[in-house]
Amino acid sequence: MTTEIWKDVGALCDVPRQGARIVETSFGRIAVFKTANDDIYAIEDKCPHLGGPLSQGIVHGAHVTCPLHNMVIELKSGRAVAPDEGCVLTLPVRIDERRILLDFSKFGEKAA
């Protein structure tokens, strides 16, 4: 059983609506997105196609479009929308007193 590793990565107001904020980690960059409905998602900031910075993509609904080649990624699952294939790592998100917390336990598993 994996232990959750929750880390505070910033204030909810730090992420613009339909935009992203970057969190630098020892395992790479994480993009924290806020949708038009104020839902928060966290995924690897690396498109599975050619490694483009998803944080610089266009957020629409609960998706982001890669700025390099228009691959669309579901923010909740991290999966590419058909006909494209691929996926990125997603991190669980929790909001506590208007602070964004991410569970980094997947990185602990990946690093082991």
PDB file of N, CA and C in Angstrom:
ATOM      1  N   MET A   1       0.844  -1.186   0.000  1.00  0.00           N
ATOM      2  CA  MET A   1       0.000   0.000   0.000  1.00  0.00           C
ATOM      3  C   MET A   1       0.889   1.248   0.000  1.00  0.00           C
ATOM      4  N   THR A   2       0.566   2.189  -0.865  1.00  0.00           N
ATOM      5  CA  THR A   2       1.351   3.408  -0.998  1.00  0.00           C
ATOM      6  C   THR A   2       0.832   4.479  -0.037  1.00  0.00           C
ATOM      7  N   THR A   3       1.754   5.145   0.617  1.00  0.00           N
ATOM      8  CA  THR A   3       1.398   6.250   1.505  1.00  0.00           C
ATOM      9  C   THR A   3       1.244   7.517   0.685  1.00  0.00           C
ATOM     10  N   GLU A   4       0.167   8.251   0.958  1.00  0.00           N
ATOM     11  CA  GLU A   4      -0.039   9.515   0.247  1.00  0.00           C
ATOM     12  C   GLU A   4       1.005  10.526   0.706  1.00  0.00           C
ATOM     13  N   ILE A   5       1.489  11.318  -0.240  1.00  0.00           N
ATOM     14  CA  ILE A   5       2.489  12.350   0.033  1.00  0.00           C
ATOM     15  C   ILE A   5       1.932  13.680  -0.458  1.00  0.00           C
ATOM     16  N   TRP A   6       1.119  14.339   0.377  1.00  0.00           N
ATOM     17  CA  TRP A   6       0.483  15.596  -0.009  1.00  0.00           C
ATOM     18  C   TRP A   6       1.436  16.766   0.218  1.00  0.00           C
ATOM     19  N   LYS A   7       1.572  17.601  -0.812  1.00  0.00           N
ATOM     20  CA  LYS A   7       2.425  18.789  -0.722  1.00  0.00           C
ATOM     21  C   LYS A   7       1.646  20.007  -1.196  1.00  0.00           C
ATOM     22  N   ASP A   8       1.786  21.090  -0.460  1.00  0.00           N
ATOM     23  CA  ASP A   8       1.172  22.366  -0.818  1.00  0.00           C
ATOM     24  C   ASP A   8       1.985  22.967  -1.967  1.00  0.00           C
ATOM     25  N   VAL A   9       1.308  23.263  -3.094  1.00  0.00           N
ATOM     26  CA  VAL A   9       2.018  23.808  -4.255  1.00  0.00           C
ATOM     27  C   VAL A   9       1.585  25.224  -4.605  1.00  0.00           C
ATOM     28  N   GLY A  10       0.713  25.819  -3.776  1.00  0.00           N
ATOM     29  CA  GLY A  10       0.346  27.204  -4.023  1.00  0.00           C
ATOM     30  C   GLY A  10      -1.108  27.493  -3.741  1.00  0.00           C
ATOM     31  N   ALA A  11      -1.442  28.754  -3.864  1.00  0.00           N
ATOM     32  CA  ALA A  11      -2.811  29.214  -3.630  1.00  0.00           C
ATOM     33  C   ALA A  11      -3.675  28.961  -4.857  1.00  0.00           C
ATOM     34  N   LEU A  12      -4.939  28.700  -4.607  1.00  0.00           N
ATOM     35  CA  LEU A  12      -5.898  28.483  -5.682  1.00  0.00           C
ATOM     36  C   LEU A  12      -5.938  29.681  -6.627  1.00  0.00           C
ATOM     37  N   CYS A  13      -5.804  30.879  -6.081  1.00  0.00           N
ATOM     38  CA  CYS A  13      -5.845  32.092  -6.914  1.00  0.00           C
ATOM     39  C   CYS A  13      -4.581  32.270  -7.768  1.00  0.00           C
ATOM     40  N   ASP A  14      -3.543  31.464  -7.524  1.00  0.00           N
ATOM     41  CA  ASP A  14      -2.313  31.548  -8.324  1.00  0.00           C
ATOM     42  C   ASP A  14      -2.488  30.971  -9.729  1.00  0.00           C
ATOM     43  N   VAL A  15      -3.510  30.141  -9.910  1.00  0.00           N
ATOM     44  CA  VAL A  15      -3.734  29.506 -11.213  1.00  0.00           C
ATOM     45  C   VAL A  15      -4.865  30.250 -11.910  1.00  0.00           C
ATOM     46  N   PRO A  16      -4.583  30.823 -13.078  1.00  0.00           N
ATOM     47  CA  PRO A  16      -5.639  31.569 -13.783  1.00  0.00           C
ATOM     48  C   PRO A  16      -6.709  30.629 -14.337  1.00  0.00           C
ATOM     49  N   ARG A  17      -7.939  31.109 -14.374  1.00  0.00           N
ATOM     50  CA  ARG A  17      -9.028  30.325 -14.954  1.00  0.00           C
ATOM     51  C   ARG A  17      -8.694  30.035 -16.414  1.00  0.00           C
ATOM     52  N   GLN A  18      -8.869  28.780 -16.827  1.00  0.00           N
ATOM     53  CA  GLN A  18      -8.523  28.276 -18.156  1.00  0.00           C
ATOM     54  C   GLN A  18      -7.038  28.465 -18.456  1.00  0.00           C
ATOM     55  N   GLY A  19      -6.234  28.303 -17.420  1.00  0.00           N
ATOM     56  CA  GLY A  19      -4.793  28.443 -17.559  1.00  0.00           C
ATOM     57  C   GLY A  19      -4.068  27.427 -16.701  1.00  0.00           C
ATOM     58  N   ALA A  20      -2.761  27.624 -16.552  1.00  0.00           N
ATOM     59  CA  ALA A  20      -1.930  26.658 -15.824  1.00  0.00           C
ATOM     60  C   ALA A  20      -0.849  27.359 -15.031  1.00  0.00           C
ATOM     61  N   ARG A  21      -0.326  26.640 -14.085  1.00  0.00           N
ATOM     62  CA  ARG A  21       0.826  27.063 -13.290  1.00  0.00           C
ATOM     63  C   ARG A  21       1.775  25.870 -13.256  1.00  0.00           C
ATOM     64  N   ILE A  22       3.070  26.128 -13.264  1.00  0.00           N
ATOM     65  CA  ILE A  22       4.084  25.064 -13.263  1.00  0.00           C
ATOM     66  C   ILE A  22       4.576  24.812 -11.848  1.00  0.00           C
ATOM     67  N   VAL A  23       4.744  23.536 -11.531  1.00  0.00           N
ATOM     68  CA  VAL A  23       5.373  23.118 -10.283  1.00  0.00           C
ATOM     69  C   VAL A  23       6.610  22.318 -10.674  1.00  0.00           C
ATOM     70  N   GLU A  24       7.775  22.792 -10.264  1.00  0.00           N
ATOM     71  CA  GLU A  24       9.028  22.089 -10.554  1.00  0.00           C
ATOM     72  C   GLU A  24       9.254  21.025  -9.487  1.00  0.00           C
ATOM     73  N   THR A  25       9.563  19.806  -9.908  1.00  0.00           N
ATOM     74  CA  THR A  25       9.870  18.722  -8.975  1.00  0.00           C
ATOM     75  C   THR A  25      11.166  18.056  -9.401  1.00  0.00           C
ATOM     76  N   SER A  26      11.701  17.217  -8.547  1.00  0.00           N
ATOM     77  CA  SER A  26      12.921  16.492  -8.912  1.00  0.00           C
ATOM     78  C   SER A  26      12.650  15.453  -9.996  1.00  0.00           C
ATOM     79  N   PHE A  27      11.374  15.165 -10.266  1.00  0.00           N
ATOM     80  CA  PHE A  27      11.014  14.189 -11.294  1.00  0.00           C
ATOM     81  C   PHE A  27      10.540  14.854 -12.582  1.00  0.00           C
ATOM     82  N   GLY A  28      10.532  16.165 -12.613  1.00  0.00           N
ATOM     83  CA  GLY A  28      10.083  16.884 -13.800  1.00  0.00           C
ATOM     84  C   GLY A  28       9.026  17.908 -13.457  1.00  0.00           C
ATOM     85  N   ARG A  29       8.523  18.564 -14.496  1.00  0.00           N
ATOM     86  CA  ARG A  29       7.551  19.640 -14.320  1.00  0.00           C
ATOM     87  C   ARG A  29       6.130  19.082 -14.264  1.00  0.00           C
ATOM     88  N   ILE A  30       5.335  19.640 -13.359  1.00  0.00           N
ATOM     89  CA  ILE A  30       3.917  19.315 -13.241  1.00  0.00           C
ATOM     90  C   ILE A  30       3.137  20.565 -13.612  1.00  0.00           C
ATOM     91  N   ALA A  31       2.125  20.401 -14.443  1.00  0.00           N
ATOM     92  CA  ALA A  31       1.247  21.504 -14.811  1.00  0.00           C
ATOM     93  C   ALA A  31      -0.039  21.385 -13.997  1.00  0.00           C
ATOM     94  N   VAL A  32      -0.375  22.450 -13.289  1.00  0.00           N
ATOM     95  CA  VAL A  32      -1.621  22.511 -12.515  1.00  0.00           C
ATOM     96  C   VAL A  32      -2.572  23.401 -13.298  1.00  0.00           C
ATOM     97  N   PHE A  33      -3.702  22.837 -13.713  1.00  0.00           N
ATOM     98  CA  PHE A  33      -4.668  23.537 -14.556  1.00  0.00           C
ATOM     99  C   PHE A  33      -5.925  23.900 -13.781  1.00  0.00           C
ATOM    100  N   LYS A  34      -6.530  25.032 -14.172  1.00  0.00           N
ATOM    101  CA  LYS A  34      -7.848  25.412 -13.661  1.00  0.00           C
ATOM    102  C   LYS A  34      -8.763  25.583 -14.873  1.00  0.00           C
ATOM    103  N   THR A  35      -9.911  24.912 -14.827  1.00  0.00           N
ATOM    104  CA  THR A  35     -10.869  25.006 -15.924  1.00  0.00           C
ATOM    105  C   THR A  35     -11.770  26.226 -15.739  1.00  0.00           C
ATOM    106  N   ALA A  36     -12.631  26.470 -16.712  1.00  0.00           N
ATOM    107  CA  ALA A  36     -13.597  27.568 -16.636  1.00  0.00           C
ATOM    108  C   ALA A  36     -14.565  27.356 -15.469  1.00  0.00           C
ATOM    109  N   ASN A  37     -14.765  26.096 -15.056  1.00  0.00           N
ATOM    110  CA  ASN A  37     -15.635  25.768 -13.924  1.00  0.00           C
ATOM    111  C   ASN A  37     -14.875  25.736 -12.604  1.00  0.00           C
ATOM    112  N   ASP A  38     -13.619  26.185 -12.622  1.00  0.00           N
ATOM    113  CA  ASP A  38     -12.745  26.217 -11.441  1.00  0.00           C
ATOM    114  C   ASP A  38     -12.345  24.839 -10.921  1.00  0.00           C
ATOM    115  N   ASP A  39     -12.444  23.809 -11.759  1.00  0.00           N
ATOM    116  CA  ASP A  39     -11.915  22.490 -11.394  1.00  0.00           C
ATOM    117  C   ASP A  39     -10.404  22.542 -11.540  1.00  0.00           C
ATOM    118  N   ILE A  40      -9.693  21.828 -10.661  1.00  0.00           N
ATOM    119  CA  ILE A  40      -8.232  21.816 -10.676  1.00  0.00           C
ATOM    120  C   ILE A  40      -7.744  20.416 -11.020  1.00  0.00           C
ATOM    121  N   TYR A  41      -6.769  20.342 -11.927  1.00  0.00           N
ATOM    122  CA  TYR A  41      -6.150  19.078 -12.342  1.00  0.00           C
ATOM    123  C   TYR A  41      -4.640  19.265 -12.361  1.00  0.00           C
ATOM    124  N   ALA A  42      -3.924  18.172 -12.155  1.00  0.00           N
ATOM    125  CA  ALA A  42      -2.457  18.213 -12.217  1.00  0.00           C
ATOM    126  C   ALA A  42      -1.961  17.045 -13.061  1.00  0.00           C
ATOM    127  N   ILE A  43      -1.142  17.366 -14.060  1.00  0.00           N
ATOM    128  CA  ILE A  43      -0.581  16.350 -14.951  1.00  0.00           C
ATOM    129  C   ILE A  43       0.870  16.691 -15.263  1.00  0.00           C
ATOM    130  N   GLU A  44       1.573  15.692 -15.787  1.00  0.00           N
ATOM    131  CA  GLU A  44       2.936  15.955 -16.271  1.00  0.00           C
ATOM    132  C   GLU A  44       2.864  17.040 -17.336  1.00  0.00           C
ATOM    133  N   ASP A  45       3.839  17.941 -17.327  1.00  0.00           N
ATOM    134  CA  ASP A  45       3.869  19.031 -18.303  1.00  0.00           C
ATOM    135  C   ASP A  45       4.653  18.604 -19.536  1.00  0.00           C
ATOM    136  N   LYS A  46       4.246  17.474 -20.117  1.00  0.00           N
ATOM    137  CA  LYS A  46       4.996  16.921 -21.247  1.00  0.00           C
ATOM    138  C   LYS A  46       4.050  16.110 -22.116  1.00  0.00           C
ATOM    139  N   CYS A  47       3.759  16.618 -23.281  1.00  0.00           N
ATOM    140  CA  CYS A  47       2.875  15.924 -24.209  1.00  0.00           C
ATOM    141  C   CYS A  47       3.478  14.555 -24.570  1.00  0.00           C
ATOM    142  N   PRO A  48       2.648  13.505 -24.620  1.00  0.00           N
ATOM    143  CA  PRO A  48       3.182  12.182 -24.952  1.00  0.00           C
ATOM    144  C   PRO A  48       3.625  12.048 -26.410  1.00  0.00           C
ATOM    145  N   HIS A  49       3.264  13.008 -27.257  1.00  0.00           N
ATOM    146  CA  HIS A  49       3.635  12.941 -28.672  1.00  0.00           C
ATOM    147  C   HIS A  49       5.094  13.329 -28.868  1.00  0.00           C
ATOM    148  N   LEU A  50       5.416  14.603 -28.601  1.00  0.00           N
ATOM    149  CA  LEU A  50       6.792  15.066 -28.796  1.00  0.00           C
ATOM    150  C   LEU A  50       7.330  15.842 -27.596  1.00  0.00           C
ATOM    151  N   GLY A  51       6.667  15.697 -26.453  1.00  0.00           N
ATOM    152  CA  GLY A  51       7.173  16.339 -25.242  1.00  0.00           C
ATOM    153  C   GLY A  51       6.870  17.818 -25.117  1.00  0.00           C
ATOM    154  N   GLY A  52       5.906  18.314 -25.870  1.00  0.00           N
ATOM    155  CA  GLY A  52       5.548  19.734 -25.810  1.00  0.00           C
ATOM    156  C   GLY A  52       5.054  20.141 -24.430  1.00  0.00           C
ATOM    157  N   PRO A  53       5.202  21.421 -24.089  1.00  0.00           N
ATOM    158  CA  PRO A  53       4.780  21.920 -22.774  1.00  0.00           C
ATOM    159  C   PRO A  53       3.263  22.099 -22.707  1.00  0.00           C
ATOM    160  N   LEU A  54       2.575  21.142 -22.114  1.00  0.00           N
ATOM    161  CA  LEU A  54       1.116  21.209 -22.032  1.00  0.00           C
ATOM    162  C   LEU A  54       0.643  22.443 -21.270  1.00  0.00           C
ATOM    163  N   SER A  55       1.461  22.938 -20.353  1.00  0.00           N
ATOM    164  CA  SER A  55       1.096  24.135 -19.582  1.00  0.00           C
ATOM    165  C   SER A  55       0.909  25.355 -20.478  1.00  0.00           C
ATOM    166  N   GLN A  56       1.448  25.320 -21.677  1.00  0.00           N
ATOM    167  CA  GLN A  56       1.310  26.432 -22.613  1.00  0.00           C
ATOM    168  C   GLN A  56       0.183  26.202 -23.615  1.00  0.00           C
ATOM    169  N   GLY A  57      -0.550  25.090 -23.423  1.00  0.00           N
ATOM    170  CA  GLY A  57      -1.647  24.759 -24.328  1.00  0.00           C
ATOM    171  C   GLY A  57      -2.926  25.501 -23.996  1.00  0.00           C
ATOM    172  N   ILE A  58      -3.939  25.252 -24.803  1.00  0.00           N
ATOM    173  CA  ILE A  58      -5.242  25.883 -24.627  1.00  0.00           C
ATOM    174  C   ILE A  58      -6.132  24.945 -23.820  1.00  0.00           C
ATOM    175  N   VAL A  59      -6.684  25.478 -22.714  1.00  0.00           N
ATOM    176  CA  VAL A  59      -7.597  24.709 -21.873  1.00  0.00           C
ATOM    177  C   VAL A  59      -9.018  24.932 -22.385  1.00  0.00           C
ATOM    178  N   HIS A  60      -9.729  23.821 -22.632  1.00  0.00           N
ATOM    179  CA  HIS A  60     -11.120  23.890 -23.098  1.00  0.00           C
ATOM    180  C   HIS A  60     -11.872  22.736 -22.454  1.00  0.00           C
ATOM    181  N   GLY A  61     -12.939  23.092 -21.754  1.00  0.00           N
ATOM    182  CA  GLY A  61     -13.645  22.065 -20.985  1.00  0.00           C
ATOM    183  C   GLY A  61     -12.679  21.468 -19.981  1.00  0.00           C
ATOM    184  N   ALA A  62     -12.615  20.142 -19.936  1.00  0.00           N
ATOM    185  CA  ALA A  62     -11.675  19.444 -19.056  1.00  0.00           C
ATOM    186  C   ALA A  62     -10.552  18.817 -19.875  1.00  0.00           C
ATOM    187  N   HIS A  63     -10.095  19.577 -20.891  1.00  0.00           N
ATOM    188  CA  HIS A  63      -9.039  19.123 -21.797  1.00  0.00           C
ATOM    189  C   HIS A  63      -8.016  20.236 -21.983  1.00  0.00           C
ATOM    190  N   VAL A  64      -6.832  19.837 -22.446  1.00  0.00           N
ATOM    191  CA  VAL A  64      -5.829  20.805 -22.868  1.00  0.00           C
ATOM    192  C   VAL A  64      -5.308  20.355 -24.230  1.00  0.00           C
ATOM    193  N   THR A  65      -5.080  21.324 -25.111  1.00  0.00           N
ATOM    194  CA  THR A  65      -4.532  21.038 -26.434  1.00  0.00           C
ATOM    195  C   THR A  65      -3.073  21.439 -26.453  1.00  0.00           C
ATOM    196  N   CYS A  66      -2.221  20.507 -26.833  1.00  0.00           N
ATOM    197  CA  CYS A  66      -0.782  20.756 -26.897  1.00  0.00           C
ATOM    198  C   CYS A  66      -0.503  21.888 -27.884  1.00  0.00           C
ATOM    199  N   PRO A  67       0.365  22.829 -27.501  1.00  0.00           N
ATOM    200  CA  PRO A  67       0.655  23.957 -28.394  1.00  0.00           C
ATOM    201  C   PRO A  67       1.510  23.581 -29.600  1.00  0.00           C
ATOM    202  N   LEU A  68       2.136  22.413 -29.589  1.00  0.00           N
ATOM    203  CA  LEU A  68       3.007  22.048 -30.710  1.00  0.00           C
ATOM    204  C   LEU A  68       2.280  21.368 -31.862  1.00  0.00           C
ATOM    205  N   HIS A  69       1.470  20.343 -31.570  1.00  0.00           N
ATOM    206  CA  HIS A  69       0.857  19.574 -32.651  1.00  0.00           C
ATOM    207  C   HIS A  69      -0.618  19.285 -32.425  1.00  0.00           C
ATOM    208  N   ASN A  70      -1.262  20.053 -31.538  1.00  0.00           N
ATOM    209  CA  ASN A  70      -2.705  19.984 -31.335  1.00  0.00           C
ATOM    210  C   ASN A  70      -3.230  18.667 -30.771  1.00  0.00           C
ATOM    211  N   MET A  71      -2.389  17.872 -30.128  1.00  0.00           N
ATOM    212  CA  MET A  71      -2.890  16.683 -29.449  1.00  0.00           C
ATOM    213  C   MET A  71      -3.735  17.145 -28.265  1.00  0.00           C
ATOM    214  N   VAL A  72      -4.907  16.526 -28.085  1.00  0.00           N
ATOM    215  CA  VAL A  72      -5.811  16.893 -27.005  1.00  0.00           C
ATOM    216  C   VAL A  72      -5.687  15.853 -25.889  1.00  0.00           C
ATOM    217  N   ILE A  73      -5.490  16.332 -24.657  1.00  0.00           N
ATOM    218  CA  ILE A  73      -5.322  15.472 -23.491  1.00  0.00           C
ATOM    219  C   ILE A  73      -6.471  15.723 -22.513  1.00  0.00           C
ATOM    220  N   GLU A  74      -7.084  14.644 -22.025  1.00  0.00           N
ATOM    221  CA  GLU A  74      -8.099  14.747 -20.970  1.00  0.00           C
ATOM    222  C   GLU A  74      -7.370  15.049 -19.666  1.00  0.00           C
ATOM    223  N   LEU A  75      -7.751  16.124 -18.996  1.00  0.00           N
ATOM    224  CA  LEU A  75      -7.054  16.514 -17.770  1.00  0.00           C
ATOM    225  C   LEU A  75      -7.287  15.523 -16.630  1.00  0.00           C
ATOM    226  N   LYS A  76      -8.463  14.933 -16.552  1.00  0.00           N
ATOM    227  CA  LYS A  76      -8.765  14.008 -15.455  1.00  0.00           C
ATOM    228  C   LYS A  76      -7.990  12.700 -15.577  1.00  0.00           C
ATOM    229  N   SER A  77      -7.966  12.120 -16.762  1.00  0.00           N
ATOM    230  CA  SER A  77      -7.338  10.803 -16.953  1.00  0.00           C
ATOM    231  C   SER A  77      -5.900  10.878 -17.448  1.00  0.00           C
ATOM    232  N   GLY A  78      -5.532  11.996 -18.089  1.00  0.00           N
ATOM    233  CA  GLY A  78      -4.215  12.113 -18.693  1.00  0.00           C
ATOM    234  C   GLY A  78      -4.108  11.435 -20.049  1.00  0.00           C
ATOM    235  N   ARG A  79      -5.220  10.894 -20.553  1.00  0.00           N
ATOM    236  CA  ARG A  79      -5.204  10.172 -21.834  1.00  0.00           C
ATOM    237  C   ARG A  79      -5.434  11.107 -23.020  1.00  0.00           C
ATOM    238  N   ALA A  80      -4.794  10.765 -24.117  1.00  0.00           N
ATOM    239  CA  ALA A  80      -5.016  11.488 -25.366  1.00  0.00           C
ATOM    240  C   ALA A  80      -6.402  11.142 -25.898  1.00  0.00           C
ATOM    241  N   VAL A  81      -7.039  12.114 -26.524  1.00  0.00           N
ATOM    242  CA  VAL A  81      -8.345  11.915 -27.133  1.00  0.00           C
ATOM    243  C   VAL A  81      -8.133  11.296 -28.514  1.00  0.00           C
ATOM    244  N   ALA A  82      -8.940  10.272 -28.847  1.00  0.00           N
ATOM    245  CA  ALA A  82      -8.852   9.587 -30.143  1.00  0.00           C
ATOM    246  C   ALA A  82      -9.028  10.603 -31.269  1.00  0.00           C
ATOM    247  N   PRO A  83      -8.348  10.441 -32.371  1.00  0.00           N
ATOM    248  CA  PRO A  83      -7.614   9.258 -32.788  1.00  0.00           C
ATOM    249  C   PRO A  83      -6.186   9.176 -32.253  1.00  0.00           C
ATOM    250  N   ASP A  84      -5.751  10.196 -31.513  1.00  0.00           N
ATOM    251  CA  ASP A  84      -4.394  10.158 -30.960  1.00  0.00           C
ATOM    252  C   ASP A  84      -4.313   9.136 -29.840  1.00  0.00           C
ATOM    253  N   GLU A  85      -3.086   8.716 -29.550  1.00  0.00           N
ATOM    254  CA  GLU A  85      -2.846   7.745 -28.489  1.00  0.00           C
ATOM    255  C   GLU A  85      -1.733   8.248 -27.598  1.00  0.00           C
ATOM    256  N   GLY A  86      -1.757   7.808 -26.348  1.00  0.00           N
ATOM    257  CA  GLY A  86      -0.734   8.179 -25.390  1.00  0.00           C
ATOM    258  C   GLY A  86      -1.371   8.685 -24.114  1.00  0.00           C
ATOM    259  N   CYS A  87      -0.544   8.859 -23.106  1.00  0.00           N
ATOM    260  CA  CYS A  87      -1.060   9.395 -21.852  1.00  0.00           C
ATOM    261  C   CYS A  87       0.079  10.029 -21.060  1.00  0.00           C
ATOM    262  N   VAL A  88      -0.317  10.850 -20.100  1.00  0.00           N
ATOM    263  CA  VAL A  88       0.626  11.483 -19.185  1.00  0.00           C
ATOM    264  C   VAL A  88       0.202  11.125 -17.765  1.00  0.00           C
ATOM    265  N   LEU A  89       1.133  11.219 -16.851  1.00  0.00           N
ATOM    266  CA  LEU A  89       0.861  10.946 -15.450  1.00  0.00           C
ATOM    267  C   LEU A  89      -0.051  12.025 -14.878  1.00  0.00           C
ATOM    268  N   THR A  90      -1.054  11.615 -14.118  1.00  0.00           N
ATOM    269  CA  THR A  90      -1.917  12.560 -13.410  1.00  0.00           C
ATOM    270  C   THR A  90      -1.632  12.450 -11.918  1.00  0.00           C
ATOM    271  N   LEU A  91      -1.855  13.526 -11.206  1.00  0.00           N
ATOM    272  CA  LEU A  91      -1.673  13.522  -9.756  1.00  0.00           C
ATOM    273  C   LEU A  91      -2.993  13.879  -9.087  1.00  0.00           C
ATOM    274  N   PRO A  92      -3.324  13.203  -7.987  1.00  0.00           N
ATOM    275  CA  PRO A  92      -4.517  13.583  -7.236  1.00  0.00           C
ATOM    276  C   PRO A  92      -4.356  14.991  -6.676  1.00  0.00           C
ATOM    277  N   VAL A  93      -5.468  15.732  -6.661  1.00  0.00           N
ATOM    278  CA  VAL A  93      -5.485  17.118  -6.196  1.00  0.00           C
ATOM    279  C   VAL A  93      -6.476  17.231  -5.044  1.00  0.00           C
ATOM    280  N   ARG A  94      -6.107  18.034  -4.078  1.00  0.00           N
ATOM    281  CA  ARG A  94      -7.001  18.344  -2.959  1.00  0.00           C
ATOM    282  C   ARG A  94      -6.892  19.842  -2.688  1.00  0.00           C
ATOM    283  N   ILE A  95      -8.019  20.472  -2.377  1.00  0.00           N
ATOM    284  CA  ILE A  95      -8.030  21.890  -2.028  1.00  0.00           C
ATOM    285  C   ILE A  95      -8.297  21.976  -0.525  1.00  0.00           C
ATOM    286  N   ASP A  96      -7.441  22.701   0.176  1.00  0.00           N
ATOM    287  CA  ASP A  96      -7.570  22.859   1.619  1.00  0.00           C
ATOM    288  C   ASP A  96      -7.361  24.334   1.965  1.00  0.00           C
ATOM    289  N   GLU A  97      -8.430  24.983   2.392  1.00  0.00           N
ATOM    290  CA  GLU A  97      -8.378  26.400   2.745  1.00  0.00           C
ATOM    291  C   GLU A  97      -7.767  27.254   1.627  1.00  0.00           C
ATOM    292  N   ARG A  98      -8.263  27.017   0.405  1.00  0.00           N
ATOM    293  CA  ARG A  98      -7.858  27.761  -0.797  1.00  0.00           C
ATOM    294  C   ARG A  98      -6.401  27.537  -1.195  1.00  0.00           C
ATOM    295  N   ARG A  99      -5.830  26.446  -0.691  1.00  0.00           N
ATOM    296  CA  ARG A  99      -4.471  26.042  -1.070  1.00  0.00           C
ATOM    297  C   ARG A  99      -4.591  24.768  -1.901  1.00  0.00           C
ATOM    298  N   ILE A 100      -3.713  24.617  -2.897  1.00  0.00           N
ATOM    299  CA  ILE A 100      -3.698  23.433  -3.753  1.00  0.00           C
ATOM    300  C   ILE A 100      -2.677  22.454  -3.196  1.00  0.00           C
ATOM    301  N   LEU A 101      -3.135  21.228  -2.956  1.00  0.00           N
ATOM    302  CA  LEU A 101      -2.241  20.171  -2.494  1.00  0.00           C
ATOM    303  C   LEU A 101      -2.237  19.059  -3.531  1.00  0.00           C
ATOM    304  N   LEU A 102      -1.053  18.547  -3.828  1.00  0.00           N
ATOM    305  CA  LEU A 102      -0.907  17.436  -4.767  1.00  0.00           C
ATOM    306  C   LEU A 102      -0.348  16.232  -4.029  1.00  0.00           C
ATOM    307  N   ASP A 103      -0.814  15.054  -4.434  1.00  0.00           N
ATOM    308  CA  ASP A 103      -0.308  13.805  -3.870  1.00  0.00           C
ATOM    309  C   ASP A 103       0.817  13.303  -4.779  1.00  0.00           C
ATOM    310  N   PHE A 104       2.044  13.332  -4.262  1.00  0.00           N
ATOM    311  CA  PHE A 104       3.222  12.939  -5.039  1.00  0.00           C
ATOM    312  C   PHE A 104       3.601  11.476  -4.860  1.00  0.00           C
ATOM    313  N   SER A 105       2.717  10.651  -4.283  1.00  0.00           N
ATOM    314  CA  SER A 105       3.075   9.253  -4.030  1.00  0.00           C
ATOM    315  C   SER A 105       3.358   8.478  -5.320  1.00  0.00           C
ATOM    316  N   LYS A 106       2.735   8.857  -6.439  1.00  0.00           N
ATOM    317  CA  LYS A 106       3.038   8.174  -7.710  1.00  0.00           C
ATOM    318  C   LYS A 106       4.495   8.341  -8.104  1.00  0.00           C
ATOM    319  N   PHE A 107       5.062   9.499  -7.770  1.00  0.00           N
ATOM    320  CA  PHE A 107       6.472   9.722  -8.069  1.00  0.00           C
ATOM    321  C   PHE A 107       7.342   8.847  -7.194  1.00  0.00           C
ATOM    322  N   GLY A 108       6.920   8.639  -5.954  1.00  0.00           N
ATOM    323  CA  GLY A 108       7.665   7.755  -5.064  1.00  0.00           C
ATOM    324  C   GLY A 108       7.704   6.342  -5.612  1.00  0.00           C
ATOM    325  N   GLU A 109       6.567   5.894  -6.167  1.00  0.00           N
ATOM    326  CA  GLU A 109       6.503   4.562  -6.781  1.00  0.00           C
ATOM    327  C   GLU A 109       7.393   4.514  -8.012  1.00  0.00           C
ATOM    328  N   LYS A 110       7.318   5.579  -8.820  1.00  0.00           N
ATOM    329  CA  LYS A 110       8.084   5.636 -10.073  1.00  0.00           C
ATOM    330  C   LYS A 110       9.578   5.666  -9.785  1.00  0.00           C
ATOM    331  N   ALA A 111       9.958   6.314  -8.708  1.00  0.00           N
ATOM    332  CA  ALA A 111      11.378   6.458  -8.378  1.00  0.00           C
ATOM    333  C   ALA A 111      11.944   5.192  -7.752  1.00  0.00           C
ATOM    334  N   ALA A 112      11.074   4.363  -7.183  1.00  0.00           N
ATOM    335  CA  ALA A 112      11.555   3.175  -6.467  1.00  0.00           C
ATOM    336  C   ALA A 112      12.121   2.128  -7.406  1.00  0.00           C
TER     337      ALA A 112
END
